[in-house]
Protein backbone atom coordinates (compact mmCIF):
# COMPACT_ATOMS: atom_id res chain seq x y z
CA MET A 1 10.04 -0.27 -29.37
CA ALA A 2 13.21 -1.59 -29.17
CA ARG A 3 15.46 -0.08 -31.56
CA ALA A 4 18.67 -1.81 -33.14
CA LEU A 5 22.04 -0.83 -32.65
CA THR A 6 24.41 -1.22 -34.49
CA LYS A 7 28.29 -1.15 -34.71
CA LYS A 8 28.85 2.33 -34.97
CA SER A 9 27.84 1.62 -30.77
CA GLY A 10 31.00 0.83 -29.84
CA VAL A 11 28.63 -1.99 -27.33
CA ASP A 12 30.84 -4.97 -28.96
CA GLY A 13 28.38 -8.06 -30.37
CA ARG A 14 27.75 -10.05 -27.58
CA THR A 15 26.09 -7.31 -25.12
CA ARG A 16 24.35 -6.01 -28.42
CA LEU A 17 22.26 -9.01 -28.24
CA LEU A 18 22.02 -8.84 -24.28
CA ASP A 19 20.99 -5.14 -23.77
CA THR A 20 18.48 -6.41 -26.94
CA ALA A 21 17.08 -9.45 -25.26
CA GLU A 22 16.57 -7.71 -22.15
CA ARG A 23 14.44 -5.66 -23.44
CA MET A 24 12.29 -6.68 -26.58
CA LEU A 25 11.32 -10.05 -23.86
CA ASP A 26 10.50 -7.12 -21.18
CA GLU A 27 7.76 -5.86 -24.32
CA ARG A 28 7.12 -8.72 -25.42
CA GLY A 29 7.43 -12.16 -23.67
CA ILE A 30 10.13 -14.87 -23.44
CA ASP A 31 7.82 -16.25 -26.01
CA GLY A 32 7.34 -13.00 -28.08
CA VAL A 33 10.46 -13.17 -29.15
CA SER A 34 12.49 -14.40 -32.45
CA LEU A 35 16.23 -14.99 -32.46
CA ARG A 36 15.84 -13.82 -35.99
CA THR A 37 14.46 -11.10 -34.45
CA LEU A 38 17.03 -10.13 -32.19
CA THR A 39 19.62 -10.54 -33.98
CA THR A 40 18.61 -7.83 -36.52
CA ARG A 41 17.30 -5.56 -34.09
CA SER A 42 21.32 -6.19 -32.02
CA GLY A 43 22.58 -5.15 -36.10
CA HIS A 44 23.95 -8.48 -36.65
CA ARG A 45 24.51 -9.39 -39.66
CA ASN A 46 25.60 -13.13 -38.87
CA ALA A 47 22.29 -14.99 -38.56
CA SER A 48 24.43 -17.74 -36.38
CA ALA A 49 25.21 -14.70 -33.52
CA VAL A 50 23.37 -16.23 -30.84
CA GLN A 51 24.87 -19.52 -31.19
CA TYR A 52 28.50 -18.23 -31.47
CA HIS A 53 27.85 -16.42 -28.41
CA PHE A 54 25.60 -18.28 -26.37
CA GLY A 55 24.85 -21.69 -27.88
CA ASN A 56 21.23 -21.30 -27.93
CA ARG A 57 18.16 -19.10 -27.48
CA VAL A 58 17.85 -20.68 -23.76
CA GLN A 59 21.59 -19.80 -22.59
CA LEU A 60 21.44 -16.52 -23.85
CA ILE A 61 18.02 -15.68 -21.43
CA GLU A 62 19.83 -17.44 -19.28
CA ALA A 63 22.52 -14.83 -19.40
CA VAL A 64 20.67 -12.07 -19.68
CA PHE A 65 19.35 -13.01 -15.99
CA GLN A 66 22.55 -13.96 -14.61
CA ARG A 67 24.54 -10.69 -16.02
CA ARG A 68 22.75 -8.48 -13.26
CA HIS A 69 22.44 -10.33 -10.99
CA ALA A 70 26.70 -9.37 -9.92
CA ALA A 71 25.34 -6.59 -8.35
CA VAL A 72 22.50 -8.32 -6.00
CA GLU A 73 24.89 -10.72 -5.07
CA ALA A 74 27.29 -8.37 -3.75
CA ARG A 75 24.86 -6.80 -2.01
CA ARG A 76 23.51 -10.00 -0.26
CA THR A 77 27.35 -10.42 0.76
CA ALA A 78 27.88 -6.69 2.66
CA ILE A 79 24.73 -7.48 4.22
CA LEU A 80 24.93 -10.62 5.66
CA ASP A 81 28.89 -9.74 6.45
CA ALA A 82 27.72 -7.39 8.53
CA LEU A 83 24.36 -9.20 9.82
CA GLU A 84 27.06 -12.00 10.87
CA ALA A 85 29.84 -10.22 12.55
CA SER A 86 27.02 -9.24 15.29
CA PRO A 87 25.16 -12.94 16.23
CA PRO A 88 22.99 -13.89 16.21
CA VAL A 89 21.13 -13.33 13.18
CA GLU A 90 17.34 -12.41 13.25
CA PRO A 91 15.22 -14.08 10.56
CA ARG A 92 13.26 -10.71 9.61
CA SER A 93 17.13 -9.74 9.21
CA ALA A 94 18.31 -11.66 6.82
CA LEU A 95 15.00 -11.86 4.10
CA GLU A 96 15.47 -7.99 4.91
CA ALA A 97 19.39 -9.26 3.64
CA ILE A 98 17.67 -11.72 0.74
CA ILE A 99 15.27 -9.05 -0.23
CA LEU A 100 16.83 -5.78 -0.40
CA PRO A 101 19.41 -5.78 -2.63
CA LEU A 102 16.53 -7.35 -5.45
CA ALA A 103 13.75 -4.17 -4.00
CA GLU A 104 16.16 -1.59 -4.75
CA LEU A 105 16.56 -2.71 -8.49
CA LEU A 106 13.46 -0.65 -8.36
CA HIS A 107 14.94 2.88 -8.14
CA ASP A 108 16.04 3.04 -11.96
CA GLU A 109 14.56 2.02 -15.14
CA THR A 110 17.25 -0.92 -16.27
CA GLY A 111 17.11 -3.06 -12.51
CA ARG A 112 12.63 -2.50 -13.20
CA ARG A 113 13.30 -4.19 -16.76
CA HIS A 114 15.61 -6.95 -14.31
CA LEU A 115 13.01 -7.63 -11.68
CA ARG A 116 9.62 -8.10 -15.06
CA LEU A 117 12.36 -10.36 -16.72
CA ILE A 118 12.68 -11.97 -13.41
CA MET A 119 8.69 -12.33 -12.51
CA GLN A 120 8.27 -14.32 -16.59
CA GLY A 121 11.02 -16.61 -15.64
CA ILE A 122 9.70 -18.07 -12.57
CA ALA A 123 6.30 -18.82 -13.91
CA HIS A 124 7.96 -20.25 -17.50
CA PRO A 125 8.57 -23.94 -18.24
CA ASP A 126 11.89 -23.62 -19.02
CA PHE A 127 13.27 -20.45 -17.09
CA TYR A 128 11.33 -21.77 -13.47
CA ALA A 129 13.04 -24.12 -11.50
CA LYS A 130 16.27 -21.93 -11.72
CA GLU A 131 14.82 -18.88 -11.10
CA ALA A 132 12.80 -20.04 -8.39
CA THR A 133 15.99 -20.41 -6.60
CA HIS A 134 18.82 -19.19 -8.25
CA PHE A 135 19.41 -16.91 -6.04
CA GLY A 136 23.19 -17.19 -6.49
CA PRO A 137 25.64 -18.64 -3.01
CA THR A 138 24.33 -15.14 -1.14
CA LEU A 139 20.46 -17.11 -0.67
CA ALA A 140 22.47 -20.18 0.67
CA ARG A 141 24.01 -18.70 2.63
CA ALA A 142 20.93 -16.64 4.00
CA LEU A 143 18.57 -19.68 4.63
CA PRO A 144 19.66 -21.14 8.08
CA HIS A 145 19.39 -17.50 9.51
CA VAL A 146 14.90 -17.81 8.58
CA MET A 147 14.36 -21.59 8.75
CA PRO A 148 13.19 -20.62 12.46
CA LEU A 149 10.54 -19.59 10.94
CA VAL A 150 9.30 -22.41 9.38
CA GLY A 151 10.66 -24.37 12.04
CA HIS A 152 7.26 -25.96 13.40
CA LEU A 153 6.52 -27.51 10.10
CA PRO A 154 6.80 -30.88 9.04
CA ARG A 155 10.17 -30.32 6.37
CA ALA A 156 8.54 -30.88 3.49
CA LEU A 157 6.27 -28.30 4.37
CA GLN A 158 8.61 -26.06 4.99
CA LEU A 159 10.41 -26.40 1.57
CA HIS A 160 6.89 -25.75 0.03
CA ARG A 161 6.87 -22.72 2.81
CA LEU A 162 9.78 -21.27 1.79
CA ARG A 163 8.77 -20.99 -2.45
CA LEU A 164 5.99 -19.61 -1.94
CA GLY A 165 8.38 -16.83 -0.61
CA VAL A 166 10.65 -16.89 -2.88
CA LEU A 167 7.17 -16.63 -5.01
CA THR A 168 5.99 -13.70 -2.91
CA VAL A 169 8.30 -11.94 -3.88
CA VAL A 170 9.11 -11.87 -6.92
CA SER A 171 5.73 -11.03 -7.81
CA ALA A 172 5.17 -8.08 -5.74
CA LEU A 173 9.07 -7.15 -6.68
CA GLY A 174 8.13 -8.07 -10.85
CA GLU A 175 4.50 -5.60 -10.71
CA GLN A 176 5.38 -3.16 -8.79
CA ALA A 177 7.76 -2.48 -11.46
CA ARG A 178 5.97 -2.73 -14.12
CA GLY A 179 3.40 -0.50 -11.91
CA MET A 180 6.24 2.26 -11.76
CA ASP A 181 6.39 2.52 -15.67
CA ALA A 182 3.22 1.60 -16.80
CA ASN A 183 1.77 4.26 -18.51
CA PRO A 184 -0.78 5.18 -17.43
CA PRO A 185 -0.05 2.77 -14.59
CA PRO A 186 -2.77 0.66 -13.29
CA ARG A 187 -2.66 1.99 -9.72
CA LYS A 188 -0.82 4.17 -7.42
CA PRO A 189 2.70 2.95 -6.57
CA LEU A 190 3.10 2.38 -2.89
CA ALA A 191 6.06 4.77 -1.88
CA TYR A 192 9.41 2.37 -1.68
CA GLU A 193 10.17 2.37 2.21
CA ARG A 194 6.58 1.41 2.51
CA PHE A 195 5.87 -1.47 -0.17
CA VAL A 196 9.09 -3.20 1.04
CA THR A 197 8.49 -3.48 4.39
CA ASP A 198 4.97 -4.32 3.90
CA VAL A 199 6.86 -7.12 1.42
CA ILE A 200 8.71 -8.44 4.37
CA ASP A 201 5.77 -7.98 6.86
CA ALA A 202 4.10 -10.30 4.33
CA VAL A 203 6.35 -12.58 3.86
CA VAL A 204 7.40 -12.92 7.87
CA GLY A 205 3.77 -14.24 7.71
CA LEU A 206 3.66 -16.32 5.38
CA LEU A 207 6.57 -18.08 6.84
CA ARG A 208 5.41 -18.51 10.06
CA GLY A 209 1.80 -19.84 9.68
């Protein structure tokens, strides 16, 4: 259960709200946490703390999604820089550049929580359009290298297949993160290297099929 954070923790009010929201949204679901509860649990006495720091509930949740993504973007940029320094970039390598920085979040509890939240967001009516496509500038940079995998399809079907690929990655990572932290786990999660290879193989097959 999430505990209230107080000013004694030395953490600023905005960060306390983000930390509390991240934990409670993961535990209870995006629609299962009220602003009043988040405000109280984060140690705020002012009932308007969310409005003051973020504007509204949707903007708070968007901030929760966004704050973990800077590291993913930086990691993707480094991988793409290395790949593009020695062209041509193979489609599978471009997919690895997209997927690996997210998969690496499985290595720690905070990262796994973020992956579960992305999985929630991609299915939620308030966020799915953004969470399905908002992987930052690096996604747009990598996509041209991936396009040969769907080049045999009509344009409309190309876009549909790419979205299916995004859904596959997000769902697979979210489920892996859920299984790793479940007590007891519903099944033994695949070892990391095998899991990541299988996800990439599955996406390559989906795009080519």
